[in-house]
Protein backbone atom coordinates (compact mmCIF):
# COMPACT_ATOMS: atom_id res chain seq x y z
CA UNK A 1 0.00 0.00 0.00
CA UNK A 2 2.71 2.51 0.93
CA UNK A 3 2.60 5.92 2.55
CA UNK A 4 -0.33 8.21 1.84
CA UNK A 5 0.73 11.21 3.92
CA UNK A 6 1.45 14.47 2.10
CA UNK A 7 5.18 14.19 2.94
CA UNK A 8 5.31 11.02 0.82
CA UNK A 9 4.18 12.60 -2.46
CA UNK A 10 0.58 11.43 -2.10
CA UNK A 11 -2.63 12.86 -0.78
CA UNK A 12 -4.78 9.93 0.18
CA UNK A 13 -4.11 7.38 -2.55
CA UNK A 14 -3.59 9.90 -5.37
CA UNK A 15 -0.22 11.21 -6.54
CA UNK A 16 0.21 14.93 -6.30
CA UNK A 17 2.76 17.51 -7.31
CA UNK A 18 3.87 20.43 -5.22
CA UNK A 19 4.90 23.68 -6.85
CA UNK A 20 8.68 23.56 -6.70
CA UNK A 21 11.39 25.55 -8.43
CA UNK A 22 13.94 22.79 -7.87
CA UNK A 23 14.44 19.75 -10.06
CA UNK A 24 16.72 16.94 -9.06
CA UNK A 25 18.41 14.43 -11.33
CA UNK A 26 17.59 10.77 -10.79
CA UNK A 27 20.99 10.32 -9.15
CA UNK A 28 20.35 13.22 -6.76
CA UNK A 29 16.93 11.83 -5.88
CA UNK A 30 18.39 8.41 -5.09
CA UNK A 31 21.10 9.99 -2.93
CA UNK A 32 18.54 12.12 -1.07
CA UNK A 33 16.25 9.13 -0.47
CA UNK A 34 19.14 6.99 0.80
CA UNK A 35 20.20 9.79 3.12
CA UNK A 36 16.61 10.25 4.30
CA UNK A 37 16.33 6.52 5.06
CA UNK A 38 19.56 6.59 7.07
CA UNK A 39 18.45 9.68 8.99
CA UNK A 40 15.09 8.06 9.80
CA UNK A 41 16.88 5.17 11.51
CA UNK A 42 19.16 7.41 13.58
CA UNK A 43 18.63 7.54 17.34
CA UNK A 44 18.15 11.32 17.07
CA UNK A 45 15.28 11.09 14.60
CA UNK A 46 13.68 8.07 16.26
CA UNK A 47 13.63 10.01 19.53
CA UNK A 48 12.05 12.97 17.75
CA UNK A 49 9.35 10.66 16.34
CA UNK A 50 8.51 9.31 19.81
CA UNK A 51 5.08 10.51 20.90
CA UNK A 52 5.27 13.15 23.61
CA UNK A 53 3.54 12.22 26.84
CA UNK A 54 0.00 13.55 26.91
CA UNK A 55 -0.11 14.34 23.19
CA UNK A 56 -3.35 13.75 21.32
CA UNK A 57 -3.51 11.86 18.03
CA UNK A 58 -3.69 15.09 16.02
CA UNK A 59 -0.78 16.58 17.95
CA UNK A 60 1.26 13.46 17.30
CA UNK A 61 0.51 13.50 13.57
CA UNK A 62 1.65 17.15 13.46
CA UNK A 63 4.83 16.11 15.30
CA UNK A 64 5.46 13.33 12.77
CA UNK A 65 4.91 15.79 9.90
CA UNK A 66 7.30 18.34 11.41
CA UNK A 67 10.04 15.76 12.09
CA UNK A 68 9.65 14.30 8.60
CA UNK A 69 9.81 17.69 6.90
CA UNK A 70 12.92 18.63 8.88
CA UNK A 71 14.71 15.41 7.96
CA UNK A 72 13.72 15.83 4.30
CA UNK A 73 15.22 19.33 4.27
CA UNK A 74 18.35 17.99 5.97
CA UNK A 75 18.70 15.16 3.43
CA UNK A 76 18.40 17.65 0.57
CA UNK A 77 21.30 19.64 1.98
CA UNK A 78 23.45 16.66 2.95
CA UNK A 79 22.94 14.58 -0.21
CA UNK A 80 21.08 16.61 -2.82
CA UNK A 81 23.38 19.54 -3.39
CA UNK A 82 20.87 22.04 -2.00
CA UNK A 83 22.36 25.00 -0.17
CA UNK A 84 21.66 25.34 3.56
CA UNK A 85 18.60 27.54 3.96
CA UNK A 86 17.19 26.44 0.60
CA UNK A 87 15.74 23.16 1.87
CA UNK A 88 12.27 24.61 2.39
CA UNK A 89 12.06 25.74 -1.23
CA UNK A 90 13.43 22.42 -2.49
CA UNK A 91 11.47 20.00 -0.30
CA UNK A 92 8.83 19.45 -3.00
CA UNK A 93 11.35 18.06 -5.49
CA UNK A 94 11.78 14.58 -3.97
CA UNK A 95 8.07 14.41 -3.14
CA UNK A 96 7.20 15.07 -6.79
CA UNK A 97 9.29 12.08 -7.84
CA UNK A 98 6.44 9.69 -6.99
CA UNK A 99 4.40 11.42 -9.68
CA UNK A 100 7.28 11.71 -12.16
CA UNK A 101 8.32 8.05 -11.90
CA UNK A 102 4.97 6.31 -11.38
CA UNK A 103 5.39 2.56 -11.70
CA UNK A 104 9.18 2.80 -11.94
CA UNK A 105 10.84 0.16 -9.75
C-alpha atoms as a PDB file:
ATOM      1  CA  UNK A   1       0.000   0.000   0.000  1.00  0.00           C
ATOM      2  CA  UNK A   2       2.707   2.511   0.935  1.00  0.00           C
ATOM      3  CA  UNK A   3       2.597   5.924   2.549  1.00  0.00           C
ATOM      4  CA  UNK A   4      -0.333   8.210   1.837  1.00  0.00           C
ATOM      5  CA  UNK A   5       0.733  11.209   3.924  1.00  0.00           C
ATOM      6  CA  UNK A   6       1.454  14.465   2.102  1.00  0.00           C
ATOM      7  CA  UNK A   7       5.179  14.189   2.940  1.00  0.00           C
ATOM      8  CA  UNK A   8       5.313  11.017   0.817  1.00  0.00           C
ATOM      9  CA  UNK A   9       4.176  12.600  -2.456  1.00  0.00           C
ATOM     10  CA  UNK A  10       0.582  11.426  -2.105  1.00  0.00           C
ATOM     11  CA  UNK A  11      -2.634  12.857  -0.782  1.00  0.00           C
ATOM     12  CA  UNK A  12      -4.777   9.925   0.182  1.00  0.00           C
ATOM     13  CA  UNK A  13      -4.112   7.379  -2.549  1.00  0.00           C
ATOM     14  CA  UNK A  14      -3.594   9.900  -5.369  1.00  0.00           C
ATOM     15  CA  UNK A  15      -0.224  11.212  -6.538  1.00  0.00           C
ATOM     16  CA  UNK A  16       0.211  14.934  -6.301  1.00  0.00           C
ATOM     17  CA  UNK A  17       2.764  17.510  -7.308  1.00  0.00           C
ATOM     18  CA  UNK A  18       3.866  20.435  -5.222  1.00  0.00           C
ATOM     19  CA  UNK A  19       4.898  23.682  -6.847  1.00  0.00           C
ATOM     20  CA  UNK A  20       8.677  23.564  -6.704  1.00  0.00           C
ATOM     21  CA  UNK A  21      11.386  25.550  -8.429  1.00  0.00           C
ATOM     22  CA  UNK A  22      13.939  22.787  -7.870  1.00  0.00           C
ATOM     23  CA  UNK A  23      14.435  19.752 -10.057  1.00  0.00           C
ATOM     24  CA  UNK A  24      16.722  16.944  -9.056  1.00  0.00           C
ATOM     25  CA  UNK A  25      18.405  14.430 -11.325  1.00  0.00           C
ATOM     26  CA  UNK A  26      17.588  10.770 -10.795  1.00  0.00           C
ATOM     27  CA  UNK A  27      20.989  10.316  -9.153  1.00  0.00           C
ATOM     28  CA  UNK A  28      20.353  13.222  -6.764  1.00  0.00           C
ATOM     29  CA  UNK A  29      16.926  11.832  -5.879  1.00  0.00           C
ATOM     30  CA  UNK A  30      18.394   8.410  -5.092  1.00  0.00           C
ATOM     31  CA  UNK A  31      21.104   9.989  -2.928  1.00  0.00           C
ATOM     32  CA  UNK A  32      18.541  12.119  -1.073  1.00  0.00           C
ATOM     33  CA  UNK A  33      16.254   9.131  -0.472  1.00  0.00           C
ATOM     34  CA  UNK A  34      19.139   6.989   0.800  1.00  0.00           C
ATOM     35  CA  UNK A  35      20.203   9.790   3.124  1.00  0.00           C
ATOM     36  CA  UNK A  36      16.610  10.247   4.303  1.00  0.00           C
ATOM     37  CA  UNK A  37      16.325   6.524   5.064  1.00  0.00           C
ATOM     38  CA  UNK A  38      19.561   6.594   7.070  1.00  0.00           C
ATOM     39  CA  UNK A  39      18.446   9.675   8.987  1.00  0.00           C
ATOM     40  CA  UNK A  40      15.086   8.055   9.802  1.00  0.00           C
ATOM     41  CA  UNK A  41      16.877   5.175  11.508  1.00  0.00           C
ATOM     42  CA  UNK A  42      19.158   7.409  13.577  1.00  0.00           C
ATOM     43  CA  UNK A  43      18.628   7.539  17.339  1.00  0.00           C
ATOM     44  CA  UNK A  44      18.154  11.316  17.066  1.00  0.00           C
ATOM     45  CA  UNK A  45      15.275  11.094  14.602  1.00  0.00           C
ATOM     46  CA  UNK A  46      13.682   8.073  16.257  1.00  0.00           C
ATOM     47  CA  UNK A  47      13.632  10.007  19.534  1.00  0.00           C
ATOM     48  CA  UNK A  48      12.051  12.971  17.750  1.00  0.00           C
ATOM     49  CA  UNK A  49       9.350  10.658  16.344  1.00  0.00           C
ATOM     50  CA  UNK A  50       8.507   9.314  19.815  1.00  0.00           C
ATOM     51  CA  UNK A  51       5.081  10.508  20.904  1.00  0.00           C
ATOM     52  CA  UNK A  52       5.270  13.149  23.611  1.00  0.00           C
ATOM     53  CA  UNK A  53       3.542  12.222  26.837  1.00  0.00           C
ATOM     54  CA  UNK A  54      -0.002  13.553  26.912  1.00  0.00           C
ATOM     55  CA  UNK A  55      -0.112  14.338  23.194  1.00  0.00           C
ATOM     56  CA  UNK A  56      -3.347  13.751  21.325  1.00  0.00           C
ATOM     57  CA  UNK A  57      -3.512  11.862  18.030  1.00  0.00           C
ATOM     58  CA  UNK A  58      -3.687  15.090  16.022  1.00  0.00           C
ATOM     59  CA  UNK A  59      -0.781  16.583  17.946  1.00  0.00           C
ATOM     60  CA  UNK A  60       1.261  13.457  17.303  1.00  0.00           C
ATOM     61  CA  UNK A  61       0.513  13.504  13.572  1.00  0.00           C
ATOM     62  CA  UNK A  62       1.647  17.152  13.463  1.00  0.00           C
ATOM     63  CA  UNK A  63       4.826  16.114  15.301  1.00  0.00           C
ATOM     64  CA  UNK A  64       5.464  13.330  12.770  1.00  0.00           C
ATOM     65  CA  UNK A  65       4.907  15.786   9.904  1.00  0.00           C
ATOM     66  CA  UNK A  66       7.299  18.338  11.406  1.00  0.00           C
ATOM     67  CA  UNK A  67      10.040  15.765  12.094  1.00  0.00           C
ATOM     68  CA  UNK A  68       9.649  14.302   8.596  1.00  0.00           C
ATOM     69  CA  UNK A  69       9.810  17.693   6.896  1.00  0.00           C
ATOM     70  CA  UNK A  70      12.922  18.631   8.884  1.00  0.00           C
ATOM     71  CA  UNK A  71      14.706  15.409   7.962  1.00  0.00           C
ATOM     72  CA  UNK A  72      13.719  15.825   4.296  1.00  0.00           C
ATOM     73  CA  UNK A  73      15.221  19.329   4.266  1.00  0.00           C
ATOM     74  CA  UNK A  74      18.353  17.987   5.972  1.00  0.00           C
ATOM     75  CA  UNK A  75      18.703  15.156   3.427  1.00  0.00           C
ATOM     76  CA  UNK A  76      18.399  17.647   0.568  1.00  0.00           C
ATOM     77  CA  UNK A  77      21.297  19.641   1.977  1.00  0.00           C
ATOM     78  CA  UNK A  78      23.452  16.655   2.945  1.00  0.00           C
ATOM     79  CA  UNK A  79      22.943  14.581  -0.213  1.00  0.00           C
ATOM     80  CA  UNK A  80      21.076  16.611  -2.822  1.00  0.00           C
ATOM     81  CA  UNK A  81      23.383  19.538  -3.387  1.00  0.00           C
ATOM     82  CA  UNK A  82      20.866  22.036  -2.001  1.00  0.00           C
ATOM     83  CA  UNK A  83      22.360  24.996  -0.175  1.00  0.00           C
ATOM     84  CA  UNK A  84      21.657  25.338   3.558  1.00  0.00           C
ATOM     85  CA  UNK A  85      18.603  27.544   3.964  1.00  0.00           C
ATOM     86  CA  UNK A  86      17.186  26.443   0.601  1.00  0.00           C
ATOM     87  CA  UNK A  87      15.740  23.157   1.870  1.00  0.00           C
ATOM     88  CA  UNK A  88      12.266  24.610   2.394  1.00  0.00           C
ATOM     89  CA  UNK A  89      12.064  25.742  -1.228  1.00  0.00           C
ATOM     90  CA  UNK A  90      13.429  22.422  -2.495  1.00  0.00           C
ATOM     91  CA  UNK A  91      11.466  19.999  -0.304  1.00  0.00           C
ATOM     92  CA  UNK A  92       8.829  19.453  -2.996  1.00  0.00           C
ATOM     93  CA  UNK A  93      11.350  18.060  -5.491  1.00  0.00           C
ATOM     94  CA  UNK A  94      11.777  14.579  -3.968  1.00  0.00           C
ATOM     95  CA  UNK A  95       8.068  14.412  -3.140  1.00  0.00           C
ATOM     96  CA  UNK A  96       7.197  15.073  -6.787  1.00  0.00           C
ATOM     97  CA  UNK A  97       9.295  12.080  -7.837  1.00  0.00           C
ATOM     98  CA  UNK A  98       6.442   9.694  -6.991  1.00  0.00           C
ATOM     99  CA  UNK A  99       4.398  11.417  -9.683  1.00  0.00           C
ATOM    100  CA  UNK A 100       7.284  11.706 -12.158  1.00  0.00           C
ATOM    101  CA  UNK A 101       8.324   8.055 -11.900  1.00  0.00           C
ATOM    102  CA  UNK A 102       4.967   6.308 -11.383  1.00  0.00           C
ATOM    103  CA  UNK A 103       5.385   2.562 -11.698  1.00  0.00           C
ATOM    104  CA  UNK A 104       9.182   2.798 -11.935  1.00  0.00           C
ATOM    105  CA  UNK A 105      10.840   0.163  -9.749  1.00  0.00           C
END
